């Protein structure tokens, strides 16, 4: 049985200091929901966002952090030789916000 993706998931996130908060996700597919945190273009954290509607950047490393809410879009079991999905992926479901530390 194939998973159906009805509607496009969408949430709004905002930043206050180091704390990021999100709205409820409209058209939620019910799959894995994560905060993706980047610094200097590199992913430094990918934290579950299902249990809480807030996330706080605790990394003391100075720099500009970019945060987006992502949901897993399952398209099949196929994986490459490194064990990474070839069709299934995380997709952005919110706006991106930035936070400067230090």
Protein backbone atom coordinates (compact mmCIF):
# COMPACT_ATOMS: atom_id res chain seq x y z
CA UNK A 1 0.00 0.00 0.00
CA UNK A 2 1.41 3.38 -1.01
CA UNK A 3 1.42 6.40 1.24
CA UNK A 4 -0.68 9.27 -0.06
CA UNK A 5 0.47 12.82 0.40
CA UNK A 6 -2.75 14.82 0.59
CA UNK A 7 -2.08 18.53 0.67
CA UNK A 8 1.21 20.24 1.32
CA UNK A 9 2.36 20.43 4.95
CA UNK A 10 2.95 24.01 6.09
CA UNK A 11 3.98 25.65 9.35
CA UNK A 12 5.24 29.07 10.34
CA UNK A 13 8.31 29.41 12.55
CA UNK A 14 9.64 32.47 14.36
CA UNK A 15 12.75 33.27 16.35
CA UNK A 16 13.13 35.12 19.66
CA UNK A 17 16.76 35.22 20.78
CA UNK A 18 17.94 31.60 20.62
CA UNK A 19 14.44 30.13 20.94
CA UNK A 20 12.57 28.97 17.82
CA UNK A 21 8.84 28.27 17.96
CA UNK A 22 6.46 26.77 15.42
CA UNK A 23 2.77 26.85 14.62
CA UNK A 24 0.80 23.61 14.25
CA UNK A 25 1.52 21.91 10.92
CA UNK A 26 -1.35 22.21 8.44
CA UNK A 27 -1.89 19.16 6.18
CA UNK A 28 0.39 17.09 8.46
CA UNK A 29 1.35 13.76 6.85
CA UNK A 30 2.13 12.28 10.28
CA UNK A 31 5.70 11.33 9.35
CA UNK A 32 8.92 12.34 11.09
CA UNK A 33 9.10 16.08 11.83
CA UNK A 34 12.48 17.68 12.62
CA UNK A 35 14.19 21.00 13.21
CA UNK A 36 17.15 21.25 10.82
CA UNK A 37 19.82 23.62 12.14
CA UNK A 38 22.67 24.85 9.94
CA UNK A 39 25.72 26.99 10.68
CA UNK A 40 27.88 28.13 7.80
CA UNK A 41 25.83 25.99 5.41
CA UNK A 42 26.61 22.77 7.31
CA UNK A 43 23.95 20.81 9.21
CA UNK A 44 24.90 20.95 12.92
CA UNK A 45 21.69 19.48 14.36
CA UNK A 46 18.57 17.64 13.29
CA UNK A 47 16.24 17.41 16.28
CA UNK A 48 12.78 15.87 16.58
CA UNK A 49 10.06 18.53 16.49
CA UNK A 50 7.05 16.24 17.00
CA UNK A 51 7.02 16.32 20.82
CA UNK A 52 7.56 20.05 21.30
CA UNK A 53 6.69 23.17 19.37
CA UNK A 54 9.88 24.97 20.47
CA UNK A 55 13.62 24.47 20.03
CA UNK A 56 16.47 26.38 21.63
CA UNK A 57 19.90 26.72 20.06
CA UNK A 58 22.28 25.67 22.85
CA UNK A 59 25.46 25.49 20.79
CA UNK A 60 27.81 28.20 22.14
CA UNK A 61 29.80 28.38 18.89
CA UNK A 62 29.53 31.93 17.49
CA UNK A 63 27.98 32.31 14.06
CA UNK A 64 24.78 32.65 12.11
CA UNK A 65 22.39 29.72 12.43
CA UNK A 66 19.61 28.95 9.95
CA UNK A 67 16.66 26.86 11.12
CA UNK A 68 13.86 25.22 9.12
CA UNK A 69 11.15 22.69 9.97
CA UNK A 70 11.27 19.55 7.82
CA UNK A 71 9.05 16.51 7.33
CA UNK A 72 10.05 13.10 5.98
CA UNK A 73 8.50 12.26 2.61
CA UNK A 74 8.59 8.49 2.18
CA UNK A 75 8.81 7.34 -1.45
CA UNK A 76 10.24 3.83 -1.04
CA UNK A 77 12.76 1.59 0.70
CA UNK A 78 15.52 1.96 -1.89
CA UNK A 79 18.87 2.92 -0.40
CA UNK A 80 22.35 3.50 -1.79
CA UNK A 81 25.50 1.63 -0.73
CA UNK A 82 25.90 4.00 2.26
CA UNK A 83 22.40 3.21 3.56
CA UNK A 84 20.84 6.55 2.59
CA UNK A 85 17.41 6.69 0.98
CA UNK A 86 17.56 7.38 -2.75
CA UNK A 87 13.93 8.50 -3.24
CA UNK A 88 12.62 9.29 0.26
CA UNK A 89 13.80 12.59 1.74
CA UNK A 90 13.17 15.40 4.20
CA UNK A 91 11.29 18.35 2.69
CA UNK A 92 11.01 21.89 4.07
CA UNK A 93 7.55 22.61 5.51
CA UNK A 94 8.21 26.08 6.96
CA UNK A 95 9.88 29.37 6.34
CA UNK A 96 13.58 29.62 7.25
CA UNK A 97 14.72 31.82 10.13
CA UNK A 98 18.19 32.96 11.17
CA UNK A 99 19.70 33.51 14.59
CA UNK A 100 23.10 35.02 15.38
CA UNK A 101 25.08 33.61 18.32
CA UNK A 102 28.03 35.46 19.80
